[in-house]
Amino acid sequence: MKIIYQLWATVGTYKDRDGRPAKRQVPVGVVFQSDGGNLSMRLDIIPVCPDWKGFLAFRRPPSADEQPSPQQPAP
């Protein structure tokens, strides 16, 4: 199975460095696609804060070249 989406929930707001309001989002699970094309969703957590409205955002996971490289251990 291949992960085709990451699931994110907006659980609040905050002010960014410039003082503008921004959404606080947390990853909550993934959507898989089977070899046959069927989709399955796995929730790792369910937000229970009062600011969560029940909506989840589906985002494409970053490609391998967009992901940060792992840190090399200090010698």
PDB file of N, CA and C in Angstrom:
ATOM      1  N   MET A   1       0.838  -1.178   0.000  1.00  0.00           N
ATOM      2  CA  MET A   1       0.000   0.000   0.000  1.00  0.00           C
ATOM      3  C   MET A   1       0.882   1.241   0.000  1.00  0.00           C
ATOM      4  N   LYS A   2       0.388   2.265  -0.630  1.00  0.00           N
ATOM      5  CA  LYS A   2       1.149   3.492  -0.790  1.00  0.00           C
ATOM      6  C   LYS A   2       0.401   4.641  -0.102  1.00  0.00           C
ATOM      7  N   ILE A   3       1.124   5.442   0.669  1.00  0.00           N
ATOM      8  CA  ILE A   3       0.516   6.621   1.298  1.00  0.00           C
ATOM      9  C   ILE A   3       0.332   7.680   0.223  1.00  0.00           C
ATOM     10  N   ILE A   4      -0.918   8.143   0.042  1.00  0.00           N
ATOM     11  CA  ILE A   4      -1.157   9.172  -0.964  1.00  0.00           C
ATOM     12  C   ILE A   4      -1.540  10.518  -0.340  1.00  0.00           C
ATOM     13  N   TYR A   5      -2.005  10.516   0.903  1.00  0.00           N
ATOM     14  CA  TYR A   5      -2.321  11.770   1.600  1.00  0.00           C
ATOM     15  C   TYR A   5      -1.903  11.674   3.056  1.00  0.00           C
ATOM     16  N   GLN A   6      -1.539  12.808   3.613  1.00  0.00           N
ATOM     17  CA  GLN A   6      -1.399  12.950   5.057  1.00  0.00           C
ATOM     18  C   GLN A   6      -2.638  13.708   5.524  1.00  0.00           C
ATOM     19  N   LEU A   7      -3.156  13.359   6.693  1.00  0.00           N
ATOM     20  CA  LEU A   7      -4.342  14.018   7.242  1.00  0.00           C
ATOM     21  C   LEU A   7      -3.916  15.007   8.324  1.00  0.00           C
ATOM     22  N   TRP A   8      -4.433  16.224   8.259  1.00  0.00           N
ATOM     23  CA  TRP A   8      -4.111  17.285   9.208  1.00  0.00           C
ATOM     24  C   TRP A   8      -5.398  17.879   9.759  1.00  0.00           C
ATOM     25  N   ALA A   9      -5.382  18.235  11.038  1.00  0.00           N
ATOM     26  CA  ALA A   9      -6.515  18.881  11.689  1.00  0.00           C
ATOM     27  C   ALA A   9      -6.088  20.251  12.205  1.00  0.00           C
ATOM     28  N   THR A  10      -6.952  21.245  12.018  1.00  0.00           N
ATOM     29  CA  THR A  10      -6.711  22.573  12.577  1.00  0.00           C
ATOM     30  C   THR A  10      -7.273  22.572  13.990  1.00  0.00           C
ATOM     31  N   VAL A  11      -6.408  22.824  14.976  1.00  0.00           N
ATOM     32  CA  VAL A  11      -6.817  22.716  16.379  1.00  0.00           C
ATOM     33  C   VAL A  11      -6.701  24.040  17.131  1.00  0.00           C
ATOM     34  N   GLY A  12      -6.527  25.124  16.411  1.00  0.00           N
ATOM     35  CA  GLY A  12      -6.453  26.419  17.071  1.00  0.00           C
ATOM     36  C   GLY A  12      -5.759  27.440  16.182  1.00  0.00           C
ATOM     37  N   THR A  13      -5.517  28.588  16.754  1.00  0.00           N
ATOM     38  CA  THR A  13      -4.822  29.658  16.045  1.00  0.00           C
ATOM     39  C   THR A  13      -3.753  30.246  16.949  1.00  0.00           C
ATOM     40  N   TYR A  14      -2.839  30.958  16.339  1.00  0.00           N
ATOM     41  CA  TYR A  14      -1.786  31.662  17.062  1.00  0.00           C
ATOM     42  C   TYR A  14      -1.351  32.832  16.212  1.00  0.00           C
ATOM     43  N   LYS A  15      -0.500  33.677  16.733  1.00  0.00           N
ATOM     44  CA  LYS A  15       0.040  34.796  15.966  1.00  0.00           C
ATOM     45  C   LYS A  15       1.459  34.452  15.531  1.00  0.00           C
ATOM     46  N   ASP A  16       1.753  34.664  14.249  1.00  0.00           N
ATOM     47  CA  ASP A  16       3.093  34.377  13.753  1.00  0.00           C
ATOM     48  C   ASP A  16       4.061  35.487  14.166  1.00  0.00           C
ATOM     49  N   ARG A  17       5.293  35.400  13.703  1.00  0.00           N
ATOM     50  CA  ARG A  17       6.325  36.376  14.105  1.00  0.00           C
ATOM     51  C   ARG A  17       5.961  37.804  13.751  1.00  0.00           C
ATOM     52  N   ASP A  18       5.159  37.964  12.694  1.00  0.00           N
ATOM     53  CA  ASP A  18       4.756  39.299  12.267  1.00  0.00           C
ATOM     54  C   ASP A  18       3.445  39.748  12.900  1.00  0.00           C
ATOM     55  N   GLY A  19       2.907  38.937  13.803  1.00  0.00           N
ATOM     56  CA  GLY A  19       1.672  39.288  14.498  1.00  0.00           C
ATOM     57  C   GLY A  19       0.400  38.939  13.746  1.00  0.00           C
ATOM     58  N   ARG A  20       0.538  38.231  12.623  1.00  0.00           N
ATOM     59  CA  ARG A  20      -0.640  37.833  11.851  1.00  0.00           C
ATOM     60  C   ARG A  20      -1.206  36.530  12.406  1.00  0.00           C
ATOM     61  N   PRO A  21      -2.529  36.377  12.388  1.00  0.00           N
ATOM     62  CA  PRO A  21      -3.109  35.112  12.856  1.00  0.00           C
ATOM     63  C   PRO A  21      -2.761  33.970  11.900  1.00  0.00           C
ATOM     64  N   ALA A  22      -2.480  32.811  12.463  1.00  0.00           N
ATOM     65  CA  ALA A  22      -2.159  31.613  11.684  1.00  0.00           C
ATOM     66  C   ALA A  22      -2.859  30.417  12.322  1.00  0.00           C
ATOM     67  N   LYS A  23      -3.074  29.375  11.523  1.00  0.00           N
ATOM     68  CA  LYS A  23      -3.734  28.163  12.016  1.00  0.00           C
ATOM     69  C   LYS A  23      -2.709  27.220  12.622  1.00  0.00           C
ATOM     70  N   ARG A  24      -3.065  26.646  13.763  1.00  0.00           N
ATOM     71  CA  ARG A  24      -2.245  25.604  14.377  1.00  0.00           C
ATOM     72  C   ARG A  24      -2.784  24.267  13.879  1.00  0.00           C
ATOM     73  N   GLN A  25      -1.957  23.525  13.146  1.00  0.00           N
ATOM     74  CA  GLN A  25      -2.385  22.263  12.564  1.00  0.00           C
ATOM     75  C   GLN A  25      -1.498  21.128  13.054  1.00  0.00           C
ATOM     76  N   VAL A  26      -2.125  19.973  13.239  1.00  0.00           N
ATOM     77  CA  VAL A  26      -1.392  18.787  13.694  1.00  0.00           C
ATOM     78  C   VAL A  26      -1.690  17.621  12.758  1.00  0.00           C
ATOM     79  N   PRO A  27      -0.677  16.759  12.502  1.00  0.00           N
ATOM     80  CA  PRO A  27      -0.940  15.565  11.688  1.00  0.00           C
ATOM     81  C   PRO A  27      -1.731  14.549  12.505  1.00  0.00           C
ATOM     82  N   VAL A  28      -2.750  13.945  11.879  1.00  0.00           N
ATOM     83  CA  VAL A  28      -3.594  13.000  12.616  1.00  0.00           C
ATOM     84  C   VAL A  28      -3.669  11.622  11.974  1.00  0.00           C
ATOM     85  N   GLY A  29      -3.137  11.441  10.755  1.00  0.00           N
ATOM     86  CA  GLY A  29      -3.200  10.126  10.121  1.00  0.00           C
ATOM     87  C   GLY A  29      -2.797  10.195   8.671  1.00  0.00           C
ATOM     88  N   VAL A  30      -3.124   9.124   7.942  1.00  0.00           N
ATOM     89  CA  VAL A  30      -2.754   9.012   6.529  1.00  0.00           C
ATOM     90  C   VAL A  30      -3.870   8.308   5.750  1.00  0.00           C
ATOM     91  N   VAL A  31      -3.827   8.483   4.421  1.00  0.00           N
ATOM     92  CA  VAL A  31      -4.706   7.756   3.503  1.00  0.00           C
ATOM     93  C   VAL A  31      -3.809   6.904   2.611  1.00  0.00           C
ATOM     94  N   PHE A  32      -4.136   5.622   2.522  1.00  0.00           N
ATOM     95  CA  PHE A  32      -3.388   4.663   1.702  1.00  0.00           C
ATOM     96  C   PHE A  32      -4.184   4.337   0.450  1.00  0.00           C
ATOM     97  N   GLN A  33      -3.475   3.944  -0.595  1.00  0.00           N
ATOM     98  CA  GLN A  33      -4.117   3.394  -1.783  1.00  0.00           C
ATOM     99  C   GLN A  33      -3.557   2.004  -2.016  1.00  0.00           C
ATOM    100  N   SER A  34      -4.465   1.028  -2.143  1.00  0.00           N
ATOM    101  CA  SER A  34      -4.041  -0.356  -2.370  1.00  0.00           C
ATOM    102  C   SER A  34      -3.663  -0.552  -3.830  1.00  0.00           C
ATOM    103  N   ASP A  35      -3.094  -1.696  -4.136  1.00  0.00           N
ATOM    104  CA  ASP A  35      -2.729  -2.019  -5.513  1.00  0.00           C
ATOM    105  C   ASP A  35      -3.962  -2.044  -6.416  1.00  0.00           C
ATOM    106  N   GLY A  36      -5.124  -2.355  -5.843  1.00  0.00           N
ATOM    107  CA  GLY A  36      -6.368  -2.387  -6.611  1.00  0.00           C
ATOM    108  C   GLY A  36      -7.024  -1.027  -6.761  1.00  0.00           C
ATOM    109  N   GLY A  37      -6.456   0.007  -6.134  1.00  0.00           N
ATOM    110  CA  GLY A  37      -7.001   1.354  -6.259  1.00  0.00           C
ATOM    111  C   GLY A  37      -7.912   1.783  -5.120  1.00  0.00           C
ATOM    112  N   ASN A  38      -8.206   0.885  -4.176  1.00  0.00           N
ATOM    113  CA  ASN A  38      -9.064   1.248  -3.047  1.00  0.00           C
ATOM    114  C   ASN A  38      -8.327   2.160  -2.076  1.00  0.00           C
ATOM    115  N   LEU A  39      -9.065   3.061  -1.435  1.00  0.00           N
ATOM    116  CA  LEU A  39      -8.487   3.970  -0.452  1.00  0.00           C
ATOM    117  C   LEU A  39      -8.844   3.513   0.957  1.00  0.00           C
ATOM    118  N   SER A  40      -7.887   3.634   1.870  1.00  0.00           N
ATOM    119  CA  SER A  40      -8.097   3.329   3.285  1.00  0.00           C
ATOM    120  C   SER A  40      -7.509   4.471   4.102  1.00  0.00           C
ATOM    121  N   MET A  41      -8.192   4.804   5.193  1.00  0.00           N
ATOM    122  CA  MET A  41      -7.730   5.885   6.058  1.00  0.00           C
ATOM    123  C   MET A  41      -7.358   5.317   7.423  1.00  0.00           C
ATOM    124  N   ARG A  42      -6.202   5.757   7.950  1.00  0.00           N
ATOM    125  CA  ARG A  42      -5.794   5.369   9.299  1.00  0.00           C
ATOM    126  C   ARG A  42      -5.650   6.634  10.124  1.00  0.00           C
ATOM    127  N   LEU A  43      -6.423   6.722  11.213  1.00  0.00           N
ATOM    128  CA  LEU A  43      -6.299   7.832  12.143  1.00  0.00           C
ATOM    129  C   LEU A  43      -5.389   7.397  13.277  1.00  0.00           C
ATOM    130  N   ASP A  44      -4.330   8.166  13.508  1.00  0.00           N
ATOM    131  CA  ASP A  44      -3.426   7.887  14.615  1.00  0.00           C
ATOM    132  C   ASP A  44      -3.887   8.574  15.884  1.00  0.00           C
ATOM    133  N   ILE A  45      -4.500   9.733  15.720  1.00  0.00           N
ATOM    134  CA  ILE A  45      -5.075  10.452  16.862  1.00  0.00           C
ATOM    135  C   ILE A  45      -6.381  11.092  16.424  1.00  0.00           C
ATOM    136  N   ILE A  46      -7.242  11.389  17.381  1.00  0.00           N
ATOM    137  CA  ILE A  46      -8.472  12.141  17.129  1.00  0.00           C
ATOM    138  C   ILE A  46      -8.424  13.369  18.023  1.00  0.00           C
ATOM    139  N   PRO A  47      -8.396  14.557  17.434  1.00  0.00           N
ATOM    140  CA  PRO A  47      -8.339  15.770  18.263  1.00  0.00           C
ATOM    141  C   PRO A  47      -9.597  15.883  19.122  1.00  0.00           C
ATOM    142  N   VAL A  48      -9.404  16.248  20.367  1.00  0.00           N
ATOM    143  CA  VAL A  48     -10.538  16.407  21.272  1.00  0.00           C
ATOM    144  C   VAL A  48     -10.590  17.818  21.871  1.00  0.00           C
ATOM    145  N   CYS A  49      -9.894  18.759  21.254  1.00  0.00           N
ATOM    146  CA  CYS A  49      -9.896  20.122  21.765  1.00  0.00           C
ATOM    147  C   CYS A  49     -11.157  20.845  21.284  1.00  0.00           C
ATOM    148  N   PRO A  50     -11.612  21.861  22.020  1.00  0.00           N
ATOM    149  CA  PRO A  50     -12.842  22.563  21.636  1.00  0.00           C
ATOM    150  C   PRO A  50     -12.723  23.338  20.329  1.00  0.00           C
ATOM    151  N   ASP A  51     -11.503  23.654  19.882  1.00  0.00           N
ATOM    152  CA  ASP A  51     -11.335  24.421  18.645  1.00  0.00           C
ATOM    153  C   ASP A  51     -11.438  23.568  17.387  1.00  0.00           C
ATOM    154  N   TRP A  52     -11.390  22.241  17.509  1.00  0.00           N
ATOM    155  CA  TRP A  52     -11.473  21.381  16.332  1.00  0.00           C
ATOM    156  C   TRP A  52     -12.924  21.299  15.884  1.00  0.00           C
ATOM    157  N   LYS A  53     -13.167  21.562  14.606  1.00  0.00           N
ATOM    158  CA  LYS A  53     -14.526  21.601  14.046  1.00  0.00           C
ATOM    159  C   LYS A  53     -14.914  20.320  13.319  1.00  0.00           C
ATOM    160  N   GLY A  54     -14.054  19.294  13.361  1.00  0.00           N
ATOM    161  CA  GLY A  54     -14.372  18.027  12.731  1.00  0.00           C
ATOM    162  C   GLY A  54     -13.841  17.856  11.320  1.00  0.00           C
ATOM    163  N   PHE A  55     -13.180  18.876  10.782  1.00  0.00           N
ATOM    164  CA  PHE A  55     -12.654  18.811   9.421  1.00  0.00           C
ATOM    165  C   PHE A  55     -11.214  18.316   9.418  1.00  0.00           C
ATOM    166  N   LEU A  56     -10.856  17.560   8.371  1.00  0.00           N
ATOM    167  CA  LEU A  56      -9.482  17.114   8.158  1.00  0.00           C
ATOM    168  C   LEU A  56      -9.022  17.602   6.786  1.00  0.00           C
ATOM    169  N   ALA A  57      -7.783  18.046   6.697  1.00  0.00           N
ATOM    170  CA  ALA A  57      -7.200  18.451   5.424  1.00  0.00           C
ATOM    171  C   ALA A  57      -6.389  17.281   4.880  1.00  0.00           C
ATOM    172  N   PHE A  58      -6.555  16.990   3.596  1.00  0.00           N
ATOM    173  CA  PHE A  58      -5.797  15.948   2.911  1.00  0.00           C
ATOM    174  C   PHE A  58      -4.665  16.643   2.165  1.00  0.00           C
ATOM    175  N   ARG A  59      -3.431  16.330   2.508  1.00  0.00           N
ATOM    176  CA  ARG A  59      -2.271  16.928   1.846  1.00  0.00           C
ATOM    177  C   ARG A  59      -1.405  15.823   1.253  1.00  0.00           C
ATOM    178  N   ARG A  60      -0.883  16.101   0.086  1.00  0.00           N
ATOM    179  CA  ARG A  60       0.058  15.160  -0.516  1.00  0.00           C
ATOM    180  C   ARG A  60       1.322  15.138   0.329  1.00  0.00           C
ATOM    181  N   PRO A  61       1.871  13.951   0.621  1.00  0.00           N
ATOM    182  CA  PRO A  61       3.116  13.909   1.397  1.00  0.00           C
ATOM    183  C   PRO A  61       4.259  14.485   0.563  1.00  0.00           C
ATOM    184  N   PRO A  62       5.256  15.062   1.214  1.00  0.00           N
ATOM    185  CA  PRO A  62       6.392  15.589   0.455  1.00  0.00           C
ATOM    186  C   PRO A  62       7.115  14.459  -0.278  1.00  0.00           C
ATOM    187  N   SER A  63       7.627  14.770  -1.455  1.00  0.00           N
ATOM    188  CA  SER A  63       8.376  13.763  -2.206  1.00  0.00           C
ATOM    189  C   SER A  63       9.720  13.548  -1.524  1.00  0.00           C
ATOM    190  N   ALA A  64      10.401  12.503  -1.917  1.00  0.00           N
ATOM    191  CA  ALA A  64      11.675  12.141  -1.278  1.00  0.00           C
ATOM    192  C   ALA A  64      12.699  13.263  -1.400  1.00  0.00           C
ATOM    193  N   ASP A  65      12.698  14.005  -2.515  1.00  0.00           N
ATOM    194  CA  ASP A  65      13.673  15.077  -2.669  1.00  0.00           C
ATOM    195  C   ASP A  65      13.301  16.331  -1.890  1.00  0.00           C
ATOM    196  N   GLU A  66      12.049  16.435  -1.402  1.00  0.00           N
ATOM    197  CA  GLU A  66      11.628  17.577  -0.591  1.00  0.00           C
ATOM    198  C   GLU A  66      11.831  17.353   0.905  1.00  0.00           C
ATOM    199  N   GLN A  67      11.990  16.107   1.313  1.00  0.00           N
ATOM    200  CA  GLN A  67      12.129  15.808   2.728  1.00  0.00           C
ATOM    201  C   GLN A  67      13.535  16.151   3.190  1.00  0.00           C
ATOM    202  N   PRO A  68      13.648  16.660   4.428  1.00  0.00           N
ATOM    203  CA  PRO A  68      14.986  16.988   4.938  1.00  0.00           C
ATOM    204  C   PRO A  68      15.817  15.722   5.100  1.00  0.00           C
ATOM    205  N   SER A  69      17.112  15.859   4.852  1.00  0.00           N
ATOM    206  CA  SER A  69      17.990  14.705   5.009  1.00  0.00           C
ATOM    207  C   SER A  69      18.227  14.462   6.498  1.00  0.00           C
ATOM    208  N   PRO A  70      18.414  13.204   6.887  1.00  0.00           N
ATOM    209  CA  PRO A  70      18.645  12.906   8.305  1.00  0.00           C
ATOM    210  C   PRO A  70      19.955  13.522   8.795  1.00  0.00           C
ATOM    211  N   GLN A  71      19.954  13.903  10.049  1.00  0.00           N
ATOM    212  CA  GLN A  71      21.143  14.498  10.650  1.00  0.00           C
ATOM    213  C   GLN A  71      22.227  13.434  10.798  1.00  0.00           C
ATOM    214  N   GLN A  72      23.442  13.807  10.481  1.00  0.00           N
ATOM    215  CA  GLN A  72      24.572  12.897  10.662  1.00  0.00           C
ATOM    216  C   GLN A  72      25.002  12.934  12.117  1.00  0.00           C
ATOM    217  N   PRO A  73      25.265  11.778  12.733  1.00  0.00           N
ATOM    218  CA  PRO A  73      25.713  11.781  14.136  1.00  0.00           C
ATOM    219  C   PRO A  73      27.083  12.446  14.267  1.00  0.00           C
ATOM    220  N   ALA A  74      27.267  13.086  15.389  1.00  0.00           N
ATOM    221  CA  ALA A  74      28.563  13.738  15.644  1.00  0.00           C
ATOM    222  C   ALA A  74      29.651  12.683  15.821  1.00  0.00           C
ATOM    223  N   PRO A  75      30.858  12.934  15.280  1.00  0.00           N
ATOM    224  CA  PRO A  75      31.930  11.932  15.394  1.00  0.00           C
ATOM    225  C   PRO A  75      32.453  11.828  16.826  1.00  0.00           C
TER     226      PRO A  75
END
